[in-house]
């Protein structure tokens, strides 16, 4: 695991493989972040049960910002994914506020890699890091959600 931040408090540029436990250990240092992580874990559990194998995290949650608004991310779409098994709230793409309200996340399906690339850039166009989580059953044996 290498979830090091740069001097501006952002995740170092590149893709960083990590487990949910790694993300929790690195980015959950206060109550707000722990609450967001619990919602993220529940959302990823729904995706994992539906056959999603990989998710990506970016945005302010993977920085040193004390009180991020939400967790930004996306998940890989593949032929193995049973969309009907995903919590419908996570599929309300025209009303993403529902995801934020229930889970505290903005997690979008990514079929082309566009969302991953979007996560790797700040609003001003600077390149930043993205956390890559391989969703495995054992990730959900312990912890929130």
Protein backbone atom coordinates (compact mmCIF):
# COMPACT_ATOMS: atom_id res chain seq x y z
CA UNK A 1 0.00 0.00 0.00
CA UNK A 2 1.26 3.45 -0.89
CA UNK A 3 -1.34 6.07 -0.08
CA UNK A 4 1.13 8.90 0.43
CA UNK A 5 0.00 12.48 0.07
CA UNK A 6 2.01 15.17 -1.69
CA UNK A 7 3.02 18.48 -0.10
CA UNK A 8 -0.36 20.02 -1.01
CA UNK A 9 -2.26 17.27 0.85
CA UNK A 10 -3.46 15.42 -2.25
CA UNK A 11 -2.90 11.75 -3.08
CA UNK A 12 0.29 11.36 -5.06
CA UNK A 13 -0.34 11.05 -8.82
CA UNK A 14 -0.98 7.55 -10.16
CA UNK A 15 -3.17 4.57 -9.40
CA UNK A 16 -2.72 3.13 -5.92
CA UNK A 17 -3.99 -0.38 -5.17
CA UNK A 18 -5.41 -0.64 -1.66
CA UNK A 19 -7.83 -2.71 0.38
CA UNK A 20 -10.76 -1.25 2.27
CA UNK A 21 -8.75 -1.76 5.45
CA UNK A 22 -5.90 0.29 3.94
CA UNK A 23 -8.32 3.10 3.03
CA UNK A 24 -9.82 3.05 6.51
CA UNK A 25 -6.40 3.15 8.20
CA UNK A 26 -5.15 6.03 6.03
CA UNK A 27 -8.19 8.26 5.58
CA UNK A 28 -10.52 7.74 8.58
CA UNK A 29 -9.08 9.93 11.31
CA UNK A 30 -12.23 11.77 12.45
CA UNK A 31 -15.95 11.19 12.89
CA UNK A 32 -16.97 12.69 9.53
CA UNK A 33 -14.53 10.53 7.62
CA UNK A 34 -15.54 7.42 9.56
CA UNK A 35 -19.20 8.08 8.73
CA UNK A 36 -18.38 8.50 5.04
CA UNK A 37 -16.30 5.31 5.12
CA UNK A 38 -19.21 3.36 6.62
CA UNK A 39 -21.46 4.54 3.78
CA UNK A 40 -18.78 3.77 1.21
CA UNK A 41 -18.36 0.26 2.60
CA UNK A 42 -22.11 -0.38 2.43
CA UNK A 43 -22.27 0.90 -1.16
CA UNK A 44 -19.27 -1.20 -2.21
CA UNK A 45 -20.79 -4.24 -0.53
CA UNK A 46 -23.89 -3.86 -2.75
CA UNK A 47 -21.68 -3.53 -5.82
CA UNK A 48 -19.50 -6.49 -4.84
CA UNK A 49 -22.54 -8.74 -4.33
CA UNK A 50 -23.67 -7.81 -7.85
CA UNK A 51 -20.35 -8.94 -9.31
CA UNK A 52 -18.43 -5.66 -9.49
CA UNK A 53 -14.75 -6.48 -9.14
CA UNK A 54 -13.06 -3.08 -8.98
CA UNK A 55 -13.84 0.40 -7.67
CA UNK A 56 -11.88 3.64 -7.82
CA UNK A 57 -11.82 6.48 -5.28
CA UNK A 58 -10.74 10.09 -5.71
CA UNK A 59 -11.74 13.57 -4.70
CA UNK A 60 -11.40 15.21 -1.31
CA UNK A 61 -11.85 11.99 0.65
CA UNK A 62 -8.40 10.82 -0.46
CA UNK A 63 -6.75 14.10 0.61
CA UNK A 64 -5.93 15.73 3.93
CA UNK A 65 -9.19 17.73 3.91
CA UNK A 66 -10.63 17.33 7.41
CA UNK A 67 -14.31 17.39 6.42
CA UNK A 68 -14.91 16.09 2.91
CA UNK A 69 -18.48 16.48 1.61
CA UNK A 70 -18.66 12.96 0.21
CA UNK A 71 -16.62 10.16 -1.34
CA UNK A 72 -16.14 10.43 -5.10
CA UNK A 73 -15.59 7.31 -7.12
CA UNK A 74 -16.64 4.93 -9.83
CA UNK A 75 -16.86 1.22 -10.47
CA UNK A 76 -16.00 -0.99 -13.41
CA UNK A 77 -18.85 -2.33 -15.46
CA UNK A 78 -18.36 -5.78 -16.93
CA UNK A 79 -20.49 -8.57 -18.40
CA UNK A 80 -20.42 -10.33 -15.02
CA UNK A 81 -22.23 -7.52 -13.21
CA UNK A 82 -25.87 -8.23 -12.31
CA UNK A 83 -27.24 -4.69 -12.41
CA UNK A 84 -30.55 -5.88 -10.95
CA UNK A 85 -28.71 -6.92 -7.77
CA UNK A 86 -27.33 -3.41 -7.13
CA UNK A 87 -29.17 -1.15 -4.72
CA UNK A 88 -31.24 1.07 -7.08
CA UNK A 89 -30.10 4.17 -5.19
CA UNK A 90 -26.62 3.56 -6.61
CA UNK A 91 -28.08 3.63 -10.11
CA UNK A 92 -29.93 6.98 -9.80
CA UNK A 93 -27.48 8.66 -12.13
CA UNK A 94 -29.85 11.51 -13.00
CA UNK A 95 -30.36 12.17 -9.26
CA UNK A 96 -26.94 11.60 -7.65
CA UNK A 97 -28.07 13.44 -4.52
CA UNK A 98 -29.83 10.20 -3.58
CA UNK A 99 -26.50 8.37 -3.37
CA UNK A 100 -25.07 11.18 -1.25
CA UNK A 101 -28.11 11.17 1.01
CA UNK A 102 -28.14 7.41 1.64
CA UNK A 103 -24.45 6.49 1.39
CA UNK A 104 -22.48 9.74 1.37
CA UNK A 105 -20.96 8.81 -1.99
CA UNK A 106 -20.93 9.73 -5.65
CA UNK A 107 -20.12 6.34 -7.26
CA UNK A 108 -20.75 6.12 -10.97
CA UNK A 109 -20.55 3.14 -13.32
CA UNK A 110 -17.57 3.39 -15.67
CA UNK A 111 -17.72 1.56 -18.98
CA UNK A 112 -14.94 3.39 -20.81
CA UNK A 113 -12.42 4.64 -18.25
CA UNK A 114 -13.66 8.23 -18.50
CA UNK A 115 -14.71 8.42 -14.85
CA UNK A 116 -11.37 7.05 -13.65
CA UNK A 117 -9.54 9.69 -15.68
CA UNK A 118 -11.88 12.36 -14.32
CA UNK A 119 -11.04 11.28 -10.76
CA UNK A 120 -7.33 11.66 -11.56
CA UNK A 121 -7.67 15.41 -12.17
CA UNK A 122 -8.50 18.32 -9.90
CA UNK A 123 -10.92 21.05 -10.96
CA UNK A 124 -7.97 23.16 -12.07
CA UNK A 125 -6.55 20.34 -14.23
CA UNK A 126 -3.75 19.10 -11.96
CA UNK A 127 -3.09 15.37 -11.93
CA UNK A 128 -3.74 13.54 -8.64
CA UNK A 129 -3.87 9.97 -7.43
CA UNK A 130 -6.72 7.49 -7.53
CA UNK A 131 -7.22 4.60 -5.11
CA UNK A 132 -7.99 1.26 -6.80
CA UNK A 133 -9.89 -1.27 -4.69
CA UNK A 134 -10.30 -4.87 -5.85
CA UNK A 135 -13.59 -5.89 -4.26
CA UNK A 136 -13.17 -9.26 -2.62
CA UNK A 137 -15.57 -11.04 -0.30
CA UNK A 138 -13.02 -11.01 2.52
CA UNK A 139 -13.02 -7.19 2.47
CA UNK A 140 -16.54 -7.33 3.90
CA UNK A 141 -16.01 -9.98 6.57
CA UNK A 142 -15.20 -7.31 9.14
CA UNK A 143 -15.84 -3.61 9.46
CA UNK A 144 -18.73 -1.27 8.81
CA UNK A 145 -21.68 -1.91 6.57
